[in-house]
């Protein structure tokens, strides 16, 4: 089975390269060799999209800004390995559920 490819398309006019690189680093740190590739794709016009294969998992204009690392990791995990425990990211989510 091929490993998933993540692409982050970012706006060069908006100077979002560093944000994109940081998000790529967060994904690689968390998922490591479970990912086949994380690609940064320059674009223009305010674009910021994250795709997992052909599936759009984040779009700045639709999702209201940029994802935090916690939300991004959860969205990627939910597609590539729904049973995977993300450690402190998931524990924070579970404890929030207990408080309600």
N, C-alpha and C. Protein backbone atom coordinates (compact mmCIF):
# COMPACT_ATOMS: atom_id res chain seq x y z
N UNK A 1 0.84 -1.19 0.00
CA UNK A 1 0.00 0.00 0.00
C UNK A 1 0.88 1.24 0.00
N UNK A 2 0.54 2.20 -0.85
CA UNK A 2 1.30 3.44 -0.91
C UNK A 2 1.04 4.29 0.33
N UNK A 3 2.06 4.99 0.75
CA UNK A 3 1.92 5.89 1.89
C UNK A 3 1.29 7.20 1.41
N UNK A 4 0.53 7.87 2.28
CA UNK A 4 -0.19 9.07 1.87
C UNK A 4 0.74 10.25 1.59
N UNK A 5 0.30 11.07 0.66
CA UNK A 5 1.00 12.30 0.29
C UNK A 5 0.17 13.48 0.77
N UNK A 6 0.80 14.39 1.48
CA UNK A 6 0.14 15.61 1.93
C UNK A 6 0.74 16.76 1.14
N UNK A 7 -0.13 17.64 0.64
CA UNK A 7 0.35 18.84 -0.04
C UNK A 7 -0.23 20.06 0.65
N UNK A 8 0.62 21.06 0.82
CA UNK A 8 0.21 22.33 1.40
C UNK A 8 0.45 23.39 0.34
N UNK A 9 -0.63 23.95 -0.19
CA UNK A 9 -0.53 25.02 -1.18
C UNK A 9 -0.72 26.34 -0.44
N UNK A 10 0.25 27.23 -0.58
CA UNK A 10 0.26 28.47 0.19
C UNK A 10 0.47 29.66 -0.74
N UNK A 11 0.03 30.82 -0.29
CA UNK A 11 0.15 32.06 -1.07
C UNK A 11 1.51 32.70 -0.85
N UNK A 12 2.26 32.85 -1.93
CA UNK A 12 3.56 33.52 -1.84
C UNK A 12 3.39 35.02 -1.64
N UNK A 13 2.32 35.59 -2.16
CA UNK A 13 2.06 37.02 -2.01
C UNK A 13 1.77 37.38 -0.56
N UNK A 14 1.23 36.44 0.17
CA UNK A 14 0.87 36.65 1.58
C UNK A 14 2.00 36.26 2.53
N UNK A 15 3.09 35.74 1.99
CA UNK A 15 4.25 35.32 2.80
C UNK A 15 3.90 34.22 3.79
N UNK A 16 3.18 33.20 3.32
CA UNK A 16 2.77 32.10 4.18
C UNK A 16 3.70 30.90 4.09
N UNK A 17 4.89 31.07 3.50
CA UNK A 17 5.83 29.95 3.41
C UNK A 17 6.25 29.44 4.78
N UNK A 18 6.60 30.32 5.70
CA UNK A 18 7.05 29.87 7.03
C UNK A 18 5.94 29.11 7.77
N UNK A 19 4.72 29.60 7.67
CA UNK A 19 3.59 28.91 8.31
C UNK A 19 3.43 27.52 7.69
N UNK A 20 3.54 27.45 6.39
CA UNK A 20 3.39 26.17 5.68
C UNK A 20 4.50 25.20 6.07
N UNK A 21 5.72 25.69 6.13
CA UNK A 21 6.85 24.86 6.53
C UNK A 21 6.70 24.36 7.95
N UNK A 22 6.21 25.20 8.83
CA UNK A 22 6.00 24.81 10.22
C UNK A 22 4.95 23.70 10.31
N UNK A 23 3.87 23.85 9.54
CA UNK A 23 2.83 22.81 9.56
C UNK A 23 3.36 21.50 8.98
N UNK A 24 4.16 21.58 7.93
CA UNK A 24 4.78 20.39 7.37
C UNK A 24 5.66 19.71 8.41
N UNK A 25 6.43 20.50 9.13
CA UNK A 25 7.31 19.97 10.17
C UNK A 25 6.49 19.28 11.27
N UNK A 26 5.41 19.87 11.69
CA UNK A 26 4.54 19.28 12.72
C UNK A 26 4.01 17.92 12.26
N UNK A 27 3.58 17.84 11.01
CA UNK A 27 3.05 16.59 10.49
C UNK A 27 4.14 15.53 10.39
N UNK A 28 5.31 15.92 9.91
CA UNK A 28 6.41 14.96 9.79
C UNK A 28 6.89 14.49 11.17
N UNK A 29 6.89 15.38 12.13
CA UNK A 29 7.30 15.02 13.48
C UNK A 29 6.33 14.02 14.09
N UNK A 30 5.05 14.21 13.84
CA UNK A 30 4.03 13.35 14.43
C UNK A 30 3.88 12.03 13.68
N UNK A 31 3.84 12.07 12.35
CA UNK A 31 3.51 10.88 11.57
C UNK A 31 4.73 10.20 10.95
N UNK A 32 5.85 10.91 10.87
CA UNK A 32 7.11 10.33 10.41
C UNK A 32 7.00 9.49 9.15
N UNK A 33 7.47 8.26 9.24
CA UNK A 33 7.53 7.38 8.08
C UNK A 33 6.16 6.82 7.66
N UNK A 34 5.10 7.17 8.39
CA UNK A 34 3.75 6.79 7.96
C UNK A 34 3.29 7.64 6.79
N UNK A 35 4.00 8.74 6.55
CA UNK A 35 3.70 9.60 5.41
C UNK A 35 4.68 9.31 4.29
N UNK A 36 4.20 9.37 3.07
CA UNK A 36 5.08 9.18 1.92
C UNK A 36 5.77 10.47 1.54
N UNK A 37 5.08 11.60 1.74
CA UNK A 37 5.63 12.88 1.32
C UNK A 37 4.78 14.01 1.90
N UNK A 38 5.45 15.11 2.20
CA UNK A 38 4.76 16.37 2.50
C UNK A 38 5.35 17.39 1.55
N UNK A 39 4.50 17.92 0.67
CA UNK A 39 4.96 18.84 -0.36
C UNK A 39 4.44 20.24 -0.09
N UNK A 40 5.29 21.23 -0.32
CA UNK A 40 4.90 22.64 -0.25
C UNK A 40 4.76 23.15 -1.67
N UNK A 41 3.60 23.71 -1.98
CA UNK A 41 3.31 24.15 -3.34
C UNK A 41 3.01 25.65 -3.32
N UNK A 42 3.85 26.46 -3.94
CA UNK A 42 3.59 27.90 -3.96
C UNK A 42 2.40 28.25 -4.85
N UNK A 43 1.62 29.21 -4.40
CA UNK A 43 0.48 29.70 -5.16
C UNK A 43 0.32 31.19 -4.93
N UNK A 44 -0.77 31.74 -5.39
CA UNK A 44 -1.06 33.17 -5.23
C UNK A 44 -2.54 33.36 -4.92
N UNK A 45 -2.92 34.59 -4.70
CA UNK A 45 -4.33 34.92 -4.52
C UNK A 45 -4.92 34.55 -3.17
N UNK A 46 -4.10 34.45 -2.14
CA UNK A 46 -4.60 34.15 -0.80
C UNK A 46 -4.89 32.68 -0.55
N UNK A 47 -4.40 31.81 -1.41
CA UNK A 47 -4.69 30.38 -1.26
C UNK A 47 -3.93 29.79 -0.08
N UNK A 48 -4.62 28.94 0.65
CA UNK A 48 -3.99 28.10 1.67
C UNK A 48 -4.84 26.85 1.78
N UNK A 49 -4.35 25.76 1.21
CA UNK A 49 -5.07 24.49 1.21
C UNK A 49 -4.15 23.36 1.63
N UNK A 50 -4.70 22.44 2.37
CA UNK A 50 -3.97 21.23 2.73
C UNK A 50 -4.77 20.04 2.21
N UNK A 51 -4.10 19.21 1.44
CA UNK A 51 -4.73 18.03 0.85
C UNK A 51 -4.00 16.78 1.30
N UNK A 52 -4.77 15.74 1.50
CA UNK A 52 -4.25 14.42 1.80
C UNK A 52 -4.64 13.58 0.60
N UNK A 53 -3.66 13.36 -0.29
CA UNK A 53 -3.99 12.77 -1.59
C UNK A 53 -4.83 13.76 -2.35
N UNK A 54 -5.99 13.31 -2.81
CA UNK A 54 -6.92 14.20 -3.52
C UNK A 54 -7.95 14.83 -2.59
N UNK A 55 -7.95 14.43 -1.34
CA UNK A 55 -8.96 14.91 -0.39
C UNK A 55 -8.53 16.22 0.26
N UNK A 56 -9.37 17.24 0.14
CA UNK A 56 -9.13 18.52 0.78
C UNK A 56 -9.45 18.39 2.26
N UNK A 57 -8.45 18.63 3.12
CA UNK A 57 -8.72 18.53 4.56
C UNK A 57 -8.70 19.89 5.25
N UNK A 58 -8.20 20.93 4.57
CA UNK A 58 -8.26 22.29 5.13
C UNK A 58 -8.21 23.29 3.99
N UNK A 59 -9.10 24.26 4.05
CA UNK A 59 -9.09 25.37 3.10
C UNK A 59 -9.32 26.66 3.90
N UNK A 60 -8.36 27.55 3.86
CA UNK A 60 -8.40 28.76 4.68
C UNK A 60 -9.71 29.52 4.52
N UNK A 61 -10.14 29.74 3.30
CA UNK A 61 -11.35 30.56 3.09
C UNK A 61 -12.60 29.84 3.60
N UNK A 62 -12.66 28.53 3.46
CA UNK A 62 -13.84 27.77 3.90
C UNK A 62 -13.81 27.49 5.40
N UNK A 63 -12.64 27.16 5.92
CA UNK A 63 -12.52 26.75 7.32
C UNK A 63 -12.23 27.90 8.28
N UNK A 64 -12.12 29.12 7.75
CA UNK A 64 -11.99 30.28 8.63
C UNK A 64 -10.60 30.49 9.18
N UNK A 65 -9.62 30.56 8.33
CA UNK A 65 -8.26 30.84 8.78
C UNK A 65 -7.35 29.64 8.65
N UNK A 66 -6.46 29.53 9.60
CA UNK A 66 -5.45 28.48 9.57
C UNK A 66 -5.69 27.48 10.68
N UNK A 67 -5.36 26.21 10.44
CA UNK A 67 -5.53 25.22 11.51
C UNK A 67 -4.41 25.35 12.54
N UNK A 68 -4.75 25.04 13.76
CA UNK A 68 -3.71 24.86 14.76
C UNK A 68 -3.12 23.48 14.57
N UNK A 69 -1.95 23.22 15.14
CA UNK A 69 -1.33 21.91 14.96
C UNK A 69 -2.21 20.77 15.48
N UNK A 70 -2.91 20.98 16.57
CA UNK A 70 -3.77 19.95 17.15
C UNK A 70 -4.87 19.54 16.16
N UNK A 71 -5.57 20.51 15.63
CA UNK A 71 -6.66 20.22 14.71
C UNK A 71 -6.15 19.59 13.42
N UNK A 72 -5.03 20.10 12.91
CA UNK A 72 -4.47 19.55 11.68
C UNK A 72 -4.07 18.10 11.86
N UNK A 73 -3.38 17.79 12.94
CA UNK A 73 -2.97 16.41 13.21
C UNK A 73 -4.17 15.49 13.37
N UNK A 74 -5.21 15.97 14.02
CA UNK A 74 -6.41 15.15 14.19
C UNK A 74 -7.08 14.87 12.85
N UNK A 75 -7.14 15.88 11.99
CA UNK A 75 -7.77 15.67 10.68
C UNK A 75 -6.97 14.68 9.83
N UNK A 76 -5.66 14.80 9.87
CA UNK A 76 -4.82 13.86 9.11
C UNK A 76 -4.97 12.46 9.69
N UNK A 77 -4.87 12.34 11.00
CA UNK A 77 -5.01 11.04 11.67
C UNK A 77 -6.35 10.39 11.35
N UNK A 78 -7.42 11.17 11.37
CA UNK A 78 -8.76 10.63 11.13
C UNK A 78 -8.89 9.99 9.75
N UNK A 79 -8.04 10.42 8.80
CA UNK A 79 -8.07 9.85 7.46
C UNK A 79 -7.10 8.67 7.34
N UNK A 80 -5.86 8.83 7.82
CA UNK A 80 -4.86 7.79 7.55
C UNK A 80 -4.84 6.67 8.58
N UNK A 81 -5.27 6.95 9.82
CA UNK A 81 -5.21 5.93 10.87
C UNK A 81 -6.13 6.32 12.03
N UNK A 82 -7.45 6.18 11.86
CA UNK A 82 -8.41 6.66 12.86
C UNK A 82 -8.21 6.10 14.28
N UNK A 83 -7.59 4.94 14.40
CA UNK A 83 -7.38 4.34 15.72
C UNK A 83 -6.12 4.86 16.42
N UNK A 84 -5.32 5.64 15.73
CA UNK A 84 -4.03 6.12 16.27
C UNK A 84 -4.26 7.10 17.42
N UNK A 85 -3.51 6.90 18.49
CA UNK A 85 -3.53 7.79 19.64
C UNK A 85 -2.50 8.88 19.41
N UNK A 86 -2.93 10.12 19.49
CA UNK A 86 -2.01 11.24 19.30
C UNK A 86 -1.45 11.77 20.62
N UNK A 87 -1.51 10.96 21.64
CA UNK A 87 -0.90 11.34 22.91
C UNK A 87 -1.61 12.52 23.56
N UNK A 88 -0.84 13.54 23.92
CA UNK A 88 -1.40 14.68 24.66
C UNK A 88 -2.47 15.42 23.87
N UNK A 89 -2.42 15.38 22.56
CA UNK A 89 -3.45 16.03 21.73
C UNK A 89 -4.80 15.38 21.99
N UNK A 90 -4.85 14.07 22.03
CA UNK A 90 -6.10 13.37 22.28
C UNK A 90 -6.51 13.44 23.74
N UNK A 91 -5.55 13.40 24.65
CA UNK A 91 -5.89 13.47 26.07
C UNK A 91 -6.57 14.80 26.39
N UNK A 92 -6.11 15.88 25.80
CA UNK A 92 -6.74 17.17 26.02
C UNK A 92 -8.17 17.15 25.51
N UNK A 93 -8.40 16.51 24.37
CA UNK A 93 -9.73 16.40 23.79
C UNK A 93 -10.64 15.58 24.71
N UNK A 94 -10.13 14.47 25.24
CA UNK A 94 -10.93 13.62 26.13
C UNK A 94 -11.27 14.34 27.43
N UNK A 95 -10.31 15.08 28.00
CA UNK A 95 -10.58 15.78 29.26
C UNK A 95 -11.59 16.91 29.05
N UNK A 96 -11.57 17.53 27.84
CA UNK A 96 -12.58 18.54 27.55
C UNK A 96 -13.97 17.92 27.54
N UNK A 97 -14.08 16.72 27.02
CA UNK A 97 -15.35 16.02 26.97
C UNK A 97 -15.87 15.66 28.37
N UNK A 98 -14.97 15.41 29.30
CA UNK A 98 -15.37 15.06 30.65
C UNK A 98 -15.90 16.25 31.42
N UNK A 99 -15.46 17.44 31.04
CA UNK A 99 -15.87 18.65 31.76
C UNK A 99 -17.28 19.09 31.39
N UNK A 100 -17.84 18.55 30.33
CA UNK A 100 -19.16 19.00 29.90
C UNK A 100 -20.25 18.14 30.48
